[in-house]
Amino acid sequence: MKKILLVAVLLGFNSVFAQEDVEITSDNSWLKAGIITGIPVGDASDVSSYSLGLDLRGQYLINPNIAIGVASGYNHFFGKDNIDDFGVIPAAGFFRYYFTPNGLFLGTDVGYGFLTNVENNDGGLYVNPQIGYHNKDWNFYAYYQNTFAEYDVDVQNVGVGVTYNIRFK
């Protein structure tokens, strides 16, 4: 079921970009690259003390307030008490609402989180709501990230991130 949801999200984004009147320009589309850091919560706090990762996004601005895109990256969880490190690789679609050209935004990622270095568990549904500040070049945000993995394992994390907008020329 989780994989079907991921395919549906990706097909939905594909249909938006497949419209004939969509023109990709430096004013409405760009890449976002940055770093995230956080503190594991819930069950994840029993096996990890902190996380550090990479946030990568491709964004299309539908209008001045609404953006959609694809999100990925890697979030590395550092193990504690002789527990091995592990990670989450998201493959997600995202939605953002920008209240003004510079200022507050709300957003969320929804997709699939692939777990790394975890035996007998591939991952599961991935959600990542965010609230932050943006301007033309930068995004600063707080997030809550949860991967609802197989066998009732939830990999939860709260933290902050920053991304830089790389505009197409």
Protein backbone atom coordinates (compact mmCIF):
# COMPACT_ATOMS: atom_id res chain seq x y z
CA MET A 1 0.00 0.00 0.00
CA LYS A 2 2.83 2.40 0.86
CA LYS A 3 4.51 1.85 -2.50
CA ILE A 4 1.21 2.47 -4.28
CA LEU A 5 0.92 5.82 -2.44
CA LEU A 6 4.43 6.78 -3.56
CA VAL A 7 3.67 5.94 -7.19
CA ALA A 8 0.40 7.94 -7.03
CA VAL A 9 2.20 11.01 -5.63
CA LEU A 10 4.92 10.85 -8.28
CA LEU A 11 2.39 10.38 -11.09
CA GLY A 12 0.42 13.35 -9.79
CA PHE A 13 3.50 15.58 -9.98
CA ASN A 14 4.29 14.23 -13.44
CA SER A 15 0.80 15.18 -14.70
CA VAL A 16 1.29 18.76 -13.48
CA PHE A 17 4.58 19.08 -15.36
CA ALA A 18 3.16 17.39 -18.47
CA GLN A 19 0.73 20.23 -19.17
CA GLU A 20 1.56 22.04 -22.41
CA ASP A 21 1.40 25.57 -21.01
CA VAL A 22 4.00 24.98 -18.26
CA GLU A 23 7.27 26.79 -18.95
CA ILE A 24 10.26 26.14 -16.70
CA THR A 25 12.19 29.37 -16.06
CA SER A 26 14.55 30.77 -13.43
CA ASP A 27 11.56 32.71 -12.05
CA ASN A 28 9.44 29.64 -11.29
CA SER A 29 11.80 26.66 -10.91
CA TRP A 30 14.98 25.92 -9.05
CA LEU A 31 16.94 23.37 -7.08
CA LYS A 32 17.30 23.60 -3.32
CA ALA A 33 20.34 22.09 -1.59
CA GLY A 34 21.18 22.27 2.08
CA ILE A 35 21.75 20.62 5.42
CA ILE A 36 19.50 19.44 8.23
CA THR A 37 20.24 18.53 11.83
CA GLY A 38 17.97 17.14 14.46
CA ILE A 39 17.26 15.24 17.62
CA PRO A 40 15.56 11.84 17.46
CA VAL A 41 12.30 11.53 19.40
CA GLY A 42 10.11 8.60 20.34
CA ASP A 43 11.62 5.14 19.87
CA ALA A 44 14.44 6.57 17.75
CA SER A 45 15.77 8.46 20.79
CA ASP A 46 16.51 5.11 22.45
CA VAL A 47 19.01 4.17 19.72
CA SER A 48 20.28 7.52 18.38
CA SER A 49 21.50 10.73 19.96
CA TYR A 50 21.33 13.12 16.98
CA SER A 51 21.04 13.28 13.21
CA LEU A 52 22.72 15.18 10.41
CA GLY A 53 21.78 15.14 6.78
CA LEU A 54 21.46 16.55 3.30
CA ASP A 55 18.26 18.06 1.87
CA LEU A 56 17.81 18.12 -1.94
CA ARG A 57 14.72 19.43 -3.75
CA GLY A 58 13.49 20.37 -7.18
CA GLN A 59 10.77 23.01 -6.94
CA TYR A 60 8.20 24.39 -9.39
CA LEU A 61 6.30 27.53 -8.38
CA ILE A 62 2.72 27.19 -9.66
CA ASN A 63 1.92 30.78 -8.67
CA PRO A 64 3.59 33.26 -6.29
CA ASN A 65 2.23 31.37 -3.25
CA ILE A 66 2.11 27.65 -4.13
CA ALA A 67 5.03 25.38 -4.96
CA ILE A 68 5.30 21.65 -5.63
CA GLY A 69 8.26 19.43 -6.33
CA VAL A 70 10.29 16.38 -5.48
CA ALA A 71 12.43 15.90 -2.38
CA SER A 72 15.23 13.55 -1.46
CA GLY A 73 18.52 13.58 0.40
CA TYR A 74 19.88 11.60 3.30
CA ASN A 75 19.40 11.83 7.06
CA HIS A 76 22.09 10.04 9.09
CA PHE A 77 21.22 8.95 12.63
CA PHE A 78 24.23 8.48 14.92
CA GLY A 79 23.82 5.39 17.11
CA LYS A 80 24.42 5.40 20.82
CA ASP A 81 25.39 2.73 23.36
CA ASN A 82 27.14 0.48 20.80
CA ILE A 83 24.23 0.64 18.34
CA ASP A 84 25.17 1.05 14.68
CA ASP A 85 24.40 4.26 12.80
CA PHE A 86 21.47 4.14 10.38
CA GLY A 87 19.79 6.46 7.93
CA VAL A 88 16.71 7.50 6.00
CA ILE A 89 16.69 8.27 2.26
CA PRO A 90 13.41 9.97 1.34
CA ALA A 91 11.79 9.78 -2.09
CA ALA A 92 8.93 12.23 -1.76
CA GLY A 93 6.77 14.85 -3.35
CA PHE A 94 6.41 18.15 -1.56
CA PHE A 95 4.01 21.05 -1.28
CA ARG A 96 4.77 24.53 0.05
CA TYR A 97 2.63 27.57 0.68
CA TYR A 98 4.47 30.91 0.69
CA PHE A 99 2.47 33.65 2.42
CA THR A 100 4.57 36.47 0.88
CA PRO A 101 7.53 36.74 -1.55
CA ASN A 102 9.84 36.95 1.50
CA GLY A 103 8.71 35.57 4.82
CA LEU A 104 6.78 32.70 6.34
CA PHE A 105 6.11 29.40 4.58
CA LEU A 106 4.41 26.13 5.50
CA GLY A 107 5.08 22.87 3.72
CA THR A 108 5.16 19.11 3.86
CA ASP A 109 6.85 16.20 2.16
CA VAL A 110 5.00 12.91 1.62
CA GLY A 111 6.53 9.79 0.13
CA TYR A 112 8.58 6.76 1.04
CA GLY A 113 11.54 6.68 3.43
CA PHE A 114 14.12 3.99 2.66
CA LEU A 115 16.00 2.84 5.78
CA THR A 116 19.72 2.12 5.56
CA ASN A 117 21.74 -0.16 7.83
CA VAL A 118 18.58 -1.60 9.45
CA GLU A 119 18.10 -5.36 9.22
CA ASN A 120 14.76 -6.75 8.00
CA ASN A 121 13.17 -3.32 7.48
CA ASP A 122 13.17 -1.50 4.14
CA GLY A 123 11.31 1.60 5.35
CA GLY A 124 7.83 3.01 4.99
CA LEU A 125 5.59 6.03 4.63
CA TYR A 126 7.59 9.25 5.04
CA VAL A 127 6.13 12.60 6.18
CA ASN A 128 8.03 15.80 6.89
CA PRO A 129 5.97 18.91 7.79
CA GLN A 130 7.91 22.18 7.94
CA ILE A 131 7.50 25.81 8.98
CA GLY A 132 10.08 28.39 8.06
CA TYR A 133 11.31 31.66 6.61
CA HIS A 134 12.38 32.17 3.00
CA ASN A 135 13.78 34.84 0.73
CA LYS A 136 14.99 34.77 -2.87
CA ASP A 137 18.08 32.70 -2.08
CA TRP A 138 17.62 30.96 1.28
CA ASN A 139 15.14 28.84 3.26
CA PHE A 140 15.45 28.42 7.06
CA TYR A 141 13.01 26.01 8.66
CA ALA A 142 12.04 23.76 11.54
CA TYR A 143 10.70 20.29 10.80
CA TYR A 144 9.23 17.12 12.24
CA GLN A 145 10.18 14.02 10.26
CA ASN A 146 8.62 10.58 10.64
CA THR A 147 9.17 7.39 8.69
CA PHE A 148 6.43 4.89 9.52
CA ALA A 149 8.56 1.83 8.82
CA GLU A 150 7.60 -1.83 8.77
CA TYR A 151 6.95 -3.79 11.99
CA ASP A 152 5.66 -0.73 13.91
CA VAL A 153 9.02 1.05 13.82
CA ASP A 154 8.72 4.84 13.67
CA VAL A 155 11.89 6.80 12.97
CA GLN A 156 11.01 10.27 14.30
CA ASN A 157 13.15 13.37 14.34
CA VAL A 158 12.72 17.10 15.07
CA GLY A 159 15.20 19.65 13.87
CA VAL A 160 16.20 22.61 11.76
CA GLY A 161 17.40 22.97 8.22
CA VAL A 162 18.71 25.47 5.73
CA THR A 163 18.70 25.27 1.93
CA TYR A 164 20.10 27.50 -0.80
CA ASN A 165 18.14 28.09 -4.01
CA ILE A 166 20.13 27.22 -7.13
CA ARG A 167 18.33 28.94 -10.00
CA PHE A 168 18.24 27.71 -13.56
CA LYS A 169 19.84 30.12 -16.05
